[in-house]
Amino acid sequence: MLGFDPKAARSVWTAAAVVVILFLVYLARRTLFIFILAVLLAYLISPLVNLLDRYLPMQRTRTAALALTYVIFIGALALLGFEVGTTVADQAKALEAKLPVMIQQWEAPSPGAPALWNSLKAEMLRRAREEIVNGGSSLLAAATSAGLKFVTIASDAIYVVVIPILAFFFLKDAHAIRQHLLDLVDAGPSRILADDLMADIHLLLAHYMRALVVLSLAAFTAFSIAFAILGVPYGVLLAALAGLLEFIPMIGPLTSGIIIVAVSLLSSSNVLLVLAFLLIYRVFQDYILSPHLMGQGVEVHPLLVLFGVFSGAEIAGVPGAFLSVPVLALIRIFYLRIRKARMESKLSHPEPVKL
């Protein structure tokens, strides 16, 4: 006899609702990414806001501390952009102009080198040309929509203003937002679990964002000094590239390393010393600096990091790769907290022993 199972119906409706929510999130992924960037910016500057708010006299709100923080932050970015950006732009133009000559010089057989090395160089150049030719068709096809892409890029410029404004409101109303989210959960174990989850997420995002910025600045500083000592041309440009690519886990540092080695080869720099520096710095950062900065909040296995980076890149490009590690860490936090809550519930309400 056919009947209606309310439990099965609830499960089906729940699964359908989850699918619809995920689909809506995918459709709104661009807007969500903007809000995520605003949250990360808020976490980045929140220590300065808290410090100024503590020392500014007679303040009932955080508005004055926020305004002063933005003045300091924007001023520091403008100064850094002027001092470093002009040098990077000049070196980029010089490298672009000299690159064909460098490739020609490197393509010529080295008189004192073994025949194996010369054949290896020729093979590398041949493969590079094939990749460029094979990718040329896609580049030409994409050029037809260049006008539309230009309009899109121009419209994206407004986010440079929108993201700091959103971060301002996140910082100003952070406590109220947190309280409203907690009020959505009934009092009891569920609310305690929600409170613990929000506290863990807060610590995770704070550690992760500040660690990324420190790692990026550390890479830029170390690479600039090392390249100046080793006499590597376009050192500031390469150091800036390495610092920016630190924001993409694993793939970013690998990409910057390949580019640095390629430029060193083309410019006839001491490639062995450059390689030694890259290896030493990577060991120092991965095993000493990064674990110290990240703390215990981001404990994700390297295999999962690689999986997350490649999967995120396939789903959402560079933004997906950038957000892959914090998303994996958030999933880990949810799993551990829910598992801990269930274990505590079992211990406090043990099942009766059957006789």
Protein backbone atom coordinates (compact mmCIF):
# COMPACT_ATOMS: atom_id res chain seq x y z
CA MET A 1 0.00 0.00 0.00
CA LEU A 2 1.37 3.36 -1.02
CA GLY A 3 1.77 5.91 1.74
CA PHE A 4 3.30 9.31 2.39
CA ASP A 5 6.47 9.30 4.48
CA PRO A 6 6.92 12.73 6.13
CA LYS A 7 10.55 12.00 7.04
CA ALA A 8 11.46 11.12 3.46
CA ALA A 9 9.62 14.20 2.19
CA ARG A 10 11.53 16.45 4.58
CA SER A 11 14.83 14.93 3.43
CA VAL A 12 13.93 15.47 -0.24
CA TRP A 13 12.86 19.08 0.37
CA THR A 14 16.03 19.75 2.37
CA ALA A 15 18.22 18.34 -0.39
CA ALA A 16 16.32 20.39 -3.00
CA ALA A 17 16.70 23.55 -0.92
CA VAL A 18 20.46 22.98 -0.57
CA VAL A 19 20.80 22.50 -4.34
CA VAL A 20 18.83 25.70 -5.01
CA ILE A 21 20.92 27.67 -2.51
CA LEU A 22 24.18 26.41 -4.04
CA PHE A 23 22.90 27.33 -7.51
CA LEU A 24 21.99 30.84 -6.34
CA VAL A 25 25.41 31.19 -4.71
CA TYR A 26 27.04 30.19 -7.99
CA LEU A 27 24.99 32.77 -9.89
CA ALA A 28 25.92 35.48 -7.38
CA ARG A 29 29.56 34.39 -7.07
CA ARG A 30 30.87 37.70 -8.43
CA THR A 31 29.00 39.78 -5.86
CA LEU A 32 29.88 37.33 -3.10
CA PHE A 33 33.56 37.57 -3.99
CA ILE A 34 33.39 41.37 -3.65
CA PHE A 35 31.85 41.03 -0.19
CA ILE A 36 34.45 38.40 0.78
CA LEU A 37 37.24 40.76 -0.26
CA ALA A 38 35.65 43.47 1.86
CA VAL A 39 35.55 41.12 4.87
CA LEU A 40 39.20 40.18 4.35
CA LEU A 41 40.16 43.86 4.09
CA ALA A 42 38.27 44.50 7.32
CA TYR A 43 40.24 41.74 9.05
CA LEU A 44 43.47 43.18 7.68
CA ILE A 45 43.01 46.68 9.12
CA SER A 46 41.02 45.76 12.24
CA PRO A 47 44.09 45.66 14.55
CA LEU A 48 44.88 49.29 13.72
CA VAL A 49 41.22 50.23 14.21
CA ASN A 50 41.15 48.56 17.63
CA LEU A 51 44.43 50.23 18.63
CA LEU A 52 43.27 53.71 17.65
CA ASP A 53 39.84 53.17 19.19
CA ARG A 54 41.51 52.26 22.47
CA TYR A 55 43.63 55.42 22.62
CA LEU A 56 41.31 58.04 21.13
CA PRO A 57 39.73 59.91 24.08
CA MET A 58 36.00 60.04 24.75
CA GLN A 59 34.77 58.00 21.80
CA ARG A 60 31.37 56.31 21.95
CA THR A 61 31.61 54.87 18.46
CA ARG A 62 34.41 53.52 16.29
CA THR A 63 33.80 56.06 13.51
CA ALA A 64 36.72 58.34 14.38
CA ALA A 65 39.10 55.39 14.70
CA LEU A 66 37.86 54.00 11.39
CA ALA A 67 38.28 57.32 9.60
CA LEU A 68 41.83 57.78 10.93
CA THR A 69 42.68 54.19 10.03
CA TYR A 70 41.54 54.72 6.45
CA VAL A 71 43.62 57.89 6.16
CA ILE A 72 46.72 56.04 7.38
CA PHE A 73 46.03 52.96 5.26
CA ILE A 74 45.36 54.85 2.02
CA GLY A 75 48.36 57.10 2.63
CA ALA A 76 50.64 54.10 3.15
CA LEU A 77 49.33 52.43 -0.01
CA ALA A 78 49.80 55.62 -2.03
CA LEU A 79 53.37 56.06 -0.75
CA LEU A 80 54.25 52.42 -1.41
CA GLY A 81 52.64 52.53 -4.84
CA PHE A 82 54.56 55.67 -5.79
CA GLU A 83 57.93 54.46 -4.50
CA VAL A 84 57.72 50.89 -5.79
CA GLY A 85 55.19 51.22 -8.61
CA THR A 86 57.28 53.64 -10.67
CA THR A 87 60.34 51.39 -10.44
CA VAL A 88 58.28 48.31 -11.33
CA ALA A 89 56.72 50.08 -14.32
CA ASP A 90 60.11 51.26 -15.60
CA GLN A 91 61.67 47.82 -15.26
CA ALA A 92 58.66 46.18 -16.93
CA LYS A 93 59.01 48.49 -19.94
CA ALA A 94 62.76 47.85 -20.11
CA LEU A 95 62.26 44.07 -19.93
CA GLU A 96 59.58 44.17 -22.62
CA ALA A 97 61.85 46.15 -24.94
CA LYS A 98 64.91 43.97 -24.33
CA LEU A 99 63.22 40.57 -24.23
CA PRO A 100 63.50 39.78 -27.99
CA VAL A 101 67.24 40.57 -27.94
CA MET A 102 67.73 38.44 -24.82
CA ILE A 103 65.95 35.51 -26.46
CA GLN A 104 68.10 35.85 -29.58
CA GLN A 105 71.29 35.93 -27.56
CA TRP A 106 70.26 32.95 -25.48
CA GLU A 107 69.22 31.04 -28.61
CA ALA A 108 72.71 31.24 -30.06
CA PRO A 109 74.85 28.17 -29.22
CA SER A 110 77.26 28.72 -26.34
CA PRO A 111 80.84 28.22 -27.63
CA GLY A 112 82.28 26.77 -24.44
CA ALA A 113 79.21 24.72 -23.43
CA PRO A 114 78.72 20.99 -24.13
CA ALA A 115 76.65 19.97 -27.14
CA LEU A 116 74.02 18.51 -24.80
CA TRP A 117 73.41 21.92 -23.22
CA ASN A 118 73.08 23.62 -26.62
CA SER A 119 70.63 20.97 -27.84
CA LEU A 120 68.66 21.31 -24.60
CA LYS A 121 68.40 25.07 -25.11
CA ALA A 122 67.22 24.60 -28.69
CA GLU A 123 64.60 22.08 -27.59
CA MET A 124 63.32 24.40 -24.83
CA LEU A 125 62.98 27.30 -27.28
CA ARG A 126 61.24 25.07 -29.81
CA ARG A 127 58.69 23.94 -27.24
CA ALA A 128 58.15 27.51 -26.06
CA ARG A 129 57.48 28.64 -29.63
CA GLU A 130 55.02 25.78 -30.15
CA GLU A 131 53.12 26.75 -27.02
CA ILE A 132 52.98 30.37 -28.16
CA VAL A 133 51.77 29.37 -31.65
CA ASN A 134 49.17 26.96 -30.27
CA GLY A 135 47.88 29.60 -27.90
CA GLY A 136 47.83 32.22 -30.60
CA SER A 137 44.51 31.08 -32.06
CA SER A 138 42.74 31.41 -28.73
CA LEU A 139 44.28 34.83 -28.23
CA LEU A 140 43.08 35.95 -31.66
CA ALA A 141 39.63 34.57 -31.00
CA ALA A 142 39.48 36.41 -27.71
CA ALA A 143 40.54 39.64 -29.37
CA THR A 144 37.17 39.91 -31.13
CA SER A 145 35.48 40.56 -27.80
CA ALA A 146 38.14 43.00 -26.62
CA GLY A 147 35.70 45.90 -26.68
CA LEU A 148 33.26 44.15 -24.35
CA LYS A 149 36.11 43.10 -22.06
CA PHE A 150 37.33 46.68 -21.87
CA VAL A 151 33.88 47.80 -20.73
CA THR A 152 33.88 45.05 -18.11
CA ILE A 153 37.31 46.06 -16.80
CA ALA A 154 36.26 49.71 -16.68
CA SER A 155 33.17 48.77 -14.69
CA ASP A 156 35.31 46.73 -12.28
CA ALA A 157 37.28 49.85 -11.35
CA ILE A 158 34.39 50.97 -9.16
CA TYR A 159 35.09 48.05 -6.81
CA VAL A 160 38.29 49.78 -5.73
CA VAL A 161 35.95 52.24 -4.03
CA VAL A 162 33.14 49.83 -3.14
CA ILE A 163 35.29 47.28 -1.30
CA PRO A 164 36.75 49.77 1.24
CA ILE A 165 33.25 51.18 1.84
CA LEU A 166 31.88 47.70 2.53
CA ALA A 167 34.84 46.98 4.80
CA PHE A 168 34.08 50.22 6.69
CA PHE A 169 30.54 49.05 7.47
CA PHE A 170 31.73 45.56 8.39
CA LEU A 171 34.17 47.04 10.90
CA LYS A 172 31.67 49.57 12.24
CA ASP A 173 28.82 47.10 12.79
CA ALA A 174 30.76 43.88 13.38
CA HIS A 175 29.41 43.28 16.87
CA ALA A 176 25.83 44.01 15.81
CA ILE A 177 26.12 41.66 12.81
CA ARG A 178 27.48 38.90 15.02
CA GLN A 179 24.68 39.34 17.54
CA HIS A 180 21.99 39.29 14.83
CA LEU A 181 23.41 36.03 13.47
CA LEU A 182 23.39 34.48 16.94
CA ASP A 183 19.80 35.60 17.50
CA LEU A 184 18.75 33.44 14.55
CA VAL A 185 19.66 30.33 16.59
CA ASP A 186 17.60 29.16 19.55
CA ALA A 187 19.22 29.24 22.99
CA GLY A 188 20.85 26.01 24.07
CA PRO A 189 23.48 23.68 22.60
CA SER A 190 22.85 24.91 19.05
CA ARG A 191 23.55 28.50 20.04
CA ILE A 192 26.70 27.51 21.92
CA LEU A 193 27.86 25.62 18.82
CA ALA A 194 27.12 28.64 16.60
CA ASP A 195 29.02 30.92 18.99
CA ASP A 196 32.05 28.61 19.00
CA LEU A 197 31.97 28.32 15.20
CA MET A 198 31.89 32.08 14.76
CA ALA A 199 34.78 32.51 17.19
CA ASP A 200 36.85 29.91 15.30
CA ILE A 201 36.03 31.50 11.94
CA HIS A 202 36.99 34.92 13.30
CA LEU A 203 40.40 33.66 14.43
CA LEU A 204 40.95 31.74 11.19
CA LEU A 205 40.26 34.71 8.90
CA ALA A 206 42.26 37.09 11.07
CA HIS A 207 45.31 34.81 11.12
CA TYR A 208 45.07 33.89 7.45
CA MET A 209 44.68 37.39 6.00
CA ARG A 210 47.38 39.01 8.14
CA ALA A 211 49.72 36.08 7.49
CA LEU A 212 49.24 36.43 3.73
CA VAL A 213 50.12 40.12 3.81
CA VAL A 214 53.19 39.53 5.99
CA LEU A 215 54.34 36.65 3.75
CA SER A 216 53.89 38.84 0.67
CA LEU A 217 55.86 41.73 2.18
CA ALA A 218 58.55 39.34 3.46
CA ALA A 219 58.93 37.78 0.00
CA PHE A 220 59.17 41.19 -1.68
CA THR A 221 61.76 42.43 0.82
CA ALA A 222 63.90 39.27 0.77
CA PHE A 223 63.81 38.95 -3.01
CA SER A 224 64.64 42.63 -3.54
CA ILE A 225 67.69 42.42 -1.26
CA ALA A 226 68.87 39.08 -2.69
CA PHE A 227 68.51 40.17 -6.31
CA ALA A 228 70.36 43.41 -5.59
CA ILE A 229 73.24 41.43 -4.03
CA LEU A 230 73.29 38.81 -6.80
CA GLY A 231 73.05 41.44 -9.53
CA VAL A 232 69.87 40.03 -11.06
CA PRO A 233 68.40 42.57 -13.51
CA TYR A 234 64.82 43.78 -13.06
CA GLY A 235 65.08 42.78 -9.39
CA VAL A 236 62.30 45.03 -8.08
CA LEU A 237 59.92 43.86 -10.82
CA LEU A 238 60.63 40.19 -10.08
CA ALA A 239 60.37 40.77 -6.33
CA ALA A 240 57.02 42.54 -6.73
CA LEU A 241 55.77 39.66 -8.87
CA ALA A 242 56.88 37.13 -6.24
CA GLY A 243 55.18 39.14 -3.49
CA LEU A 244 51.88 39.34 -5.37
CA LEU A 245 51.86 35.65 -6.29
CA GLU A 246 52.25 34.71 -2.61
CA PHE A 247 48.49 35.27 -2.34
CA ILE A 248 47.87 32.16 -4.49
CA PRO A 249 48.89 29.10 -2.44
CA MET A 250 51.59 26.81 -3.84
CA ILE A 251 50.89 27.58 -7.51
CA GLY A 252 51.76 31.27 -7.10
CA PRO A 253 55.26 30.77 -5.63
CA LEU A 254 55.98 28.02 -8.18
CA THR A 255 54.97 30.33 -11.04
CA SER A 256 57.06 33.22 -9.75
CA GLY A 257 60.05 30.89 -9.31
CA ILE A 258 59.81 29.69 -12.91
CA ILE A 259 59.60 33.27 -14.20
CA ILE A 260 62.57 34.38 -12.08
CA VAL A 261 64.72 31.48 -13.27
CA ALA A 262 63.71 32.15 -16.90
CA VAL A 263 64.65 35.84 -16.65
CA SER A 264 67.93 34.90 -14.97
CA LEU A 265 68.73 32.48 -17.80
CA LEU A 266 67.89 35.01 -20.51
CA SER A 267 69.89 37.76 -18.83
CA SER A 268 72.92 35.48 -18.26
CA SER A 269 72.77 35.94 -14.49
CA ASN A 270 74.17 33.41 -12.04
CA VAL A 271 71.28 30.96 -12.26
CA LEU A 272 72.74 28.52 -9.73
CA LEU A 273 72.91 31.19 -7.03
CA VAL A 274 69.36 32.32 -7.88
CA LEU A 275 68.13 28.73 -7.65
CA ALA A 276 69.92 28.24 -4.33
CA PHE A 277 68.33 31.38 -2.93
CA LEU A 278 64.85 30.36 -4.11
CA LEU A 279 65.18 26.91 -2.52
CA ILE A 280 66.57 28.26 0.78
CA TYR A 281 63.88 30.94 1.03
CA ARG A 282 61.11 28.47 0.20
CA VAL A 283 62.29 26.09 2.94
CA PHE A 284 62.52 28.99 5.41
CA GLN A 285 59.06 30.27 4.55
CA ASP A 286 57.24 26.94 4.35
CA TYR A 287 58.72 25.39 7.49
CA ILE A 288 59.49 28.38 9.76
CA LEU A 289 57.82 31.65 8.80
CA SER A 290 54.48 30.44 7.44
CA PRO A 291 53.65 27.99 10.29
CA HIS A 292 54.53 30.69 12.83
CA LEU A 293 52.29 33.27 11.17
CA MET A 294 49.38 30.98 10.38
CA GLY A 295 49.30 29.50 13.87
CA GLN A 296 46.99 26.60 14.55
CA GLY A 297 44.03 27.98 12.60
CA VAL A 298 44.99 26.76 9.14
CA GLU A 299 45.99 23.12 9.32
CA VAL A 300 45.30 21.73 5.86
CA HIS A 301 47.30 18.90 4.31
CA PRO A 302 49.36 19.93 1.25
CA LEU A 303 47.49 17.41 -0.93
CA LEU A 304 44.20 19.06 0.02
CA VAL A 305 45.71 22.47 -0.67
CA LEU A 306 46.69 21.36 -4.19
CA PHE A 307 43.26 19.86 -4.75
CA GLY A 308 41.59 23.03 -3.50
CA VAL A 309 43.75 25.35 -5.60
CA PHE A 310 43.17 23.43 -8.84
CA SER A 311 39.45 22.95 -8.13
CA GLY A 312 38.99 26.59 -7.16
CA ALA A 313 40.79 27.71 -10.30
CA GLU A 314 38.50 25.56 -12.46
CA ILE A 315 35.36 26.85 -10.73
CA ALA A 316 36.16 30.55 -10.37
CA GLY A 317 39.61 31.23 -11.84
CA VAL A 318 42.09 33.25 -9.80
CA PRO A 319 39.50 34.20 -7.11
CA GLY A 320 38.73 30.50 -6.61
CA ALA A 321 42.41 29.63 -6.24
CA PHE A 322 42.87 32.52 -3.81
CA LEU A 323 39.94 31.44 -1.61
CA SER A 324 40.62 27.70 -1.78
CA VAL A 325 42.71 27.40 1.40
CA PRO A 326 40.42 29.42 3.71
CA VAL A 327 37.39 27.52 2.35
CA LEU A 328 39.07 24.18 3.11
CA ALA A 329 40.04 25.45 6.56
CA LEU A 330 36.45 26.57 7.20
CA ILE A 331 35.14 23.13 6.19
CA ARG A 332 37.63 21.57 8.60
CA ILE A 333 36.47 23.88 11.41
CA PHE A 334 32.80 23.01 10.79
CA TYR A 335 33.58 19.30 10.79
CA LEU A 336 35.63 19.41 14.00
CA ARG A 337 33.14 21.59 15.88
CA ILE A 338 30.10 19.53 14.88
CA ARG A 339 31.96 16.31 15.69
CA LYS A 340 32.97 17.68 19.10
CA ALA A 341 29.39 18.77 19.85
CA ARG A 342 28.04 15.33 18.98
CA MET A 343 30.63 13.59 21.16
CA GLU A 344 29.82 15.88 24.10
CA SER A 345 26.12 15.19 23.58
CA LYS A 346 26.72 11.44 23.65
CA LEU A 347 28.80 11.72 26.82
CA SER A 348 26.18 13.83 28.61
CA HIS A 349 23.29 11.61 27.44
CA PRO A 350 24.66 8.05 27.31
CA GLU A 351 22.48 5.36 25.84
CA PRO A 352 20.86 3.07 28.44
CA VAL A 353 22.44 -0.35 28.81
CA LYS A 354 20.15 -3.14 27.58
CA LEU A 355 19.90 -6.11 29.94
